[in-house]
N, C-alpha and C. Protein backbone atom coordinates (compact mmCIF):
# COMPACT_ATOMS: atom_id res chain seq x y z
N MET A 1 92.63 109.98 109.15
CA MET A 1 91.57 109.34 109.10
C MET A 1 90.52 109.83 108.36
N LEU A 2 90.24 110.99 108.20
CA LEU A 2 89.17 111.37 107.60
C LEU A 2 89.28 111.32 106.05
N ARG A 3 90.48 110.86 105.52
CA ARG A 3 90.28 111.10 104.08
C ARG A 3 89.75 109.68 103.62
N PHE A 4 89.69 108.60 104.36
CA PHE A 4 89.04 107.68 104.34
C PHE A 4 87.77 107.62 104.04
N ARG A 5 86.69 107.36 103.22
CA ARG A 5 85.44 107.51 102.81
C ARG A 5 84.49 106.14 103.24
N ARG A 6 85.18 105.03 103.37
CA ARG A 6 84.57 103.85 103.81
C ARG A 6 85.56 103.10 105.05
N MET A 7 84.61 102.32 105.88
CA MET A 7 85.44 102.30 106.95
C MET A 7 86.07 100.84 106.62
N GLN A 8 85.62 100.02 105.77
CA GLN A 8 86.50 99.33 105.27
C GLN A 8 88.03 99.42 104.58
N SER A 9 87.94 100.84 104.04
CA SER A 9 89.37 101.26 103.43
C SER A 9 90.15 101.64 104.76
N LEU A 10 89.48 102.07 105.63
CA LEU A 10 90.59 102.61 107.04
C LEU A 10 90.97 101.12 107.91
N GLN A 11 90.15 99.93 107.84
CA GLN A 11 90.42 98.86 108.33
C GLN A 11 91.54 98.12 107.73
N LYS A 12 91.55 98.35 106.47
CA LYS A 12 92.45 97.39 105.48
C LYS A 12 94.23 98.22 105.52
N PHE A 13 93.66 99.57 105.49
CA PHE A 13 95.23 100.54 105.89
C PHE A 13 95.49 100.04 107.20
N ALA A 14 94.81 100.50 108.19
CA ALA A 14 95.38 100.12 109.46
C ALA A 14 95.87 98.94 109.63
N SER A 15 95.58 97.63 109.23
CA SER A 15 95.94 96.27 109.57
C SER A 15 97.25 96.26 108.63
N ILE A 16 97.46 96.70 107.74
CA ILE A 16 98.51 96.84 106.77
C ILE A 16 99.71 97.57 107.50
N HIS A 17 99.45 98.93 107.40
CA HIS A 17 100.14 99.70 108.59
C HIS A 17 100.80 99.28 109.65
N ALA A 18 100.06 98.44 110.57
CA ALA A 18 100.43 98.21 111.80
C ALA A 18 101.36 97.16 111.49
N SER A 19 101.28 96.18 110.69
CA SER A 19 102.20 95.18 110.40
C SER A 19 103.56 95.62 109.71
N VAL A 20 103.42 96.30 109.18
CA VAL A 20 104.60 96.93 108.55
C VAL A 20 105.48 98.02 109.60
N LEU A 21 104.70 98.85 110.43
CA LEU A 21 105.30 99.23 111.57
C LEU A 21 105.88 98.67 112.35
N ASN A 22 105.09 97.17 112.99
CA ASN A 22 105.98 96.64 114.00
C ASN A 22 106.97 95.88 113.15
N HIS A 23 107.04 95.85 112.02
CA HIS A 23 108.44 95.15 111.29
C HIS A 23 109.59 95.88 111.28
N PHE A 24 109.43 97.10 111.25
CA PHE A 24 110.29 98.39 111.11
C PHE A 24 110.79 99.00 112.34
N ASN A 25 109.34 99.19 113.16
CA ASN A 25 109.64 99.64 114.21
C ASN A 25 110.64 99.33 115.41
N GLN A 26 111.80 99.48 115.76
CA GLN A 26 112.71 99.30 116.56
C GLN A 26 112.80 100.15 118.05
N GLU A 27 112.90 100.00 118.96
CA GLU A 27 113.34 100.94 119.96
C GLU A 27 114.87 101.50 119.96
N ARG A 28 115.20 102.56 119.35
CA ARG A 28 116.35 102.85 119.02
C ARG A 28 117.29 103.10 120.29
N SER A 29 116.81 103.60 121.31
CA SER A 29 117.36 103.80 122.57
C SER A 29 117.99 102.66 123.26
N LEU A 30 117.38 101.45 122.84
CA LEU A 30 117.86 100.16 123.49
C LEU A 30 118.24 99.45 123.01
N SER A 31 119.03 99.67 122.02
CA SER A 31 119.81 98.92 121.42
C SER A 31 121.35 99.59 120.96
N SER A 32 122.19 98.79 120.79
CA SER A 32 123.67 99.74 120.08
C SER A 32 123.47 99.98 118.84
N ARG A 33 124.30 100.81 118.26
CA ARG A 33 124.28 101.53 117.13
C ARG A 33 124.38 100.22 115.77
N HIS A 34 125.67 99.28 116.43
CA HIS A 34 125.88 97.97 115.47
C HIS A 34 124.66 97.28 115.46
N LEU A 35 124.09 97.13 116.56
CA LEU A 35 122.95 96.31 116.21
C LEU A 35 121.53 96.71 115.98
N PHE A 36 121.54 98.17 116.09
CA PHE A 36 120.54 98.87 115.60
C PHE A 36 120.28 98.43 113.69
N LYS A 37 121.53 98.98 113.51
CA LYS A 37 122.06 98.91 111.86
C LYS A 37 121.88 97.69 111.12
N ALA A 38 122.14 96.71 111.99
CA ALA A 38 121.96 95.02 111.35
C ALA A 38 120.55 94.73 111.41
N ASN A 39 119.84 94.98 112.55
CA ASN A 39 118.47 94.76 112.37
C ASN A 39 117.72 95.50 111.40
N ARG A 40 118.05 96.84 111.38
CA ARG A 40 117.08 97.70 110.37
C ARG A 40 117.57 96.94 108.64
N ALA A 41 118.72 96.60 108.44
CA ALA A 41 119.08 95.76 107.28
C ALA A 41 118.80 94.57 106.97
N ALA A 42 118.34 93.79 108.25
CA ALA A 42 117.63 92.68 108.07
C ALA A 42 116.23 92.67 107.67
N ALA A 43 115.85 93.57 108.26
CA ALA A 43 114.19 93.83 107.96
C ALA A 43 113.99 94.62 106.72
N LEU A 44 114.73 95.36 106.10
CA LEU A 44 114.72 95.90 104.92
C LEU A 44 114.93 94.94 103.67
N ALA A 45 116.02 94.15 103.92
CA ALA A 45 116.09 92.96 103.05
C ALA A 45 115.17 92.06 102.96
N GLU A 46 114.40 91.58 104.30
CA GLU A 46 113.17 90.99 104.12
C GLU A 46 112.20 91.80 103.42
N TRP A 47 111.83 92.71 103.45
CA TRP A 47 110.84 93.67 102.92
C TRP A 47 110.83 93.69 101.68
N ARG A 48 112.27 93.92 101.04
CA ARG A 48 112.45 93.97 99.68
C ARG A 48 111.96 92.68 98.85
N GLY A 49 112.43 91.52 99.81
CA GLY A 49 112.05 90.12 99.11
C GLY A 49 110.63 89.68 98.75
N LEU A 50 110.04 90.07 99.99
CA LEU A 50 108.31 90.29 99.68
C LEU A 50 107.82 91.23 99.17
N CYS A 51 108.25 92.22 98.55
CA CYS A 51 107.79 92.90 97.45
C CYS A 51 108.19 92.46 96.17
N ALA A 52 109.23 91.75 95.93
CA ALA A 52 109.75 91.36 94.82
C ALA A 52 109.01 90.06 94.33
N VAL A 53 107.96 89.37 95.35
CA VAL A 53 107.30 88.14 94.81
C VAL A 53 106.38 88.75 94.15
């Protein structure tokens, strides 16, 4: 966090990072491998769709 010179840049990064992390972060130990991989693939496909726009 020391690399950010302005508080506004840090806040912008933190808000974007939090939304992306929440989108991809899944508790691996709470789901089966098949369900985890399916959810991960769906999240990645949605992310690619958002980035392509």
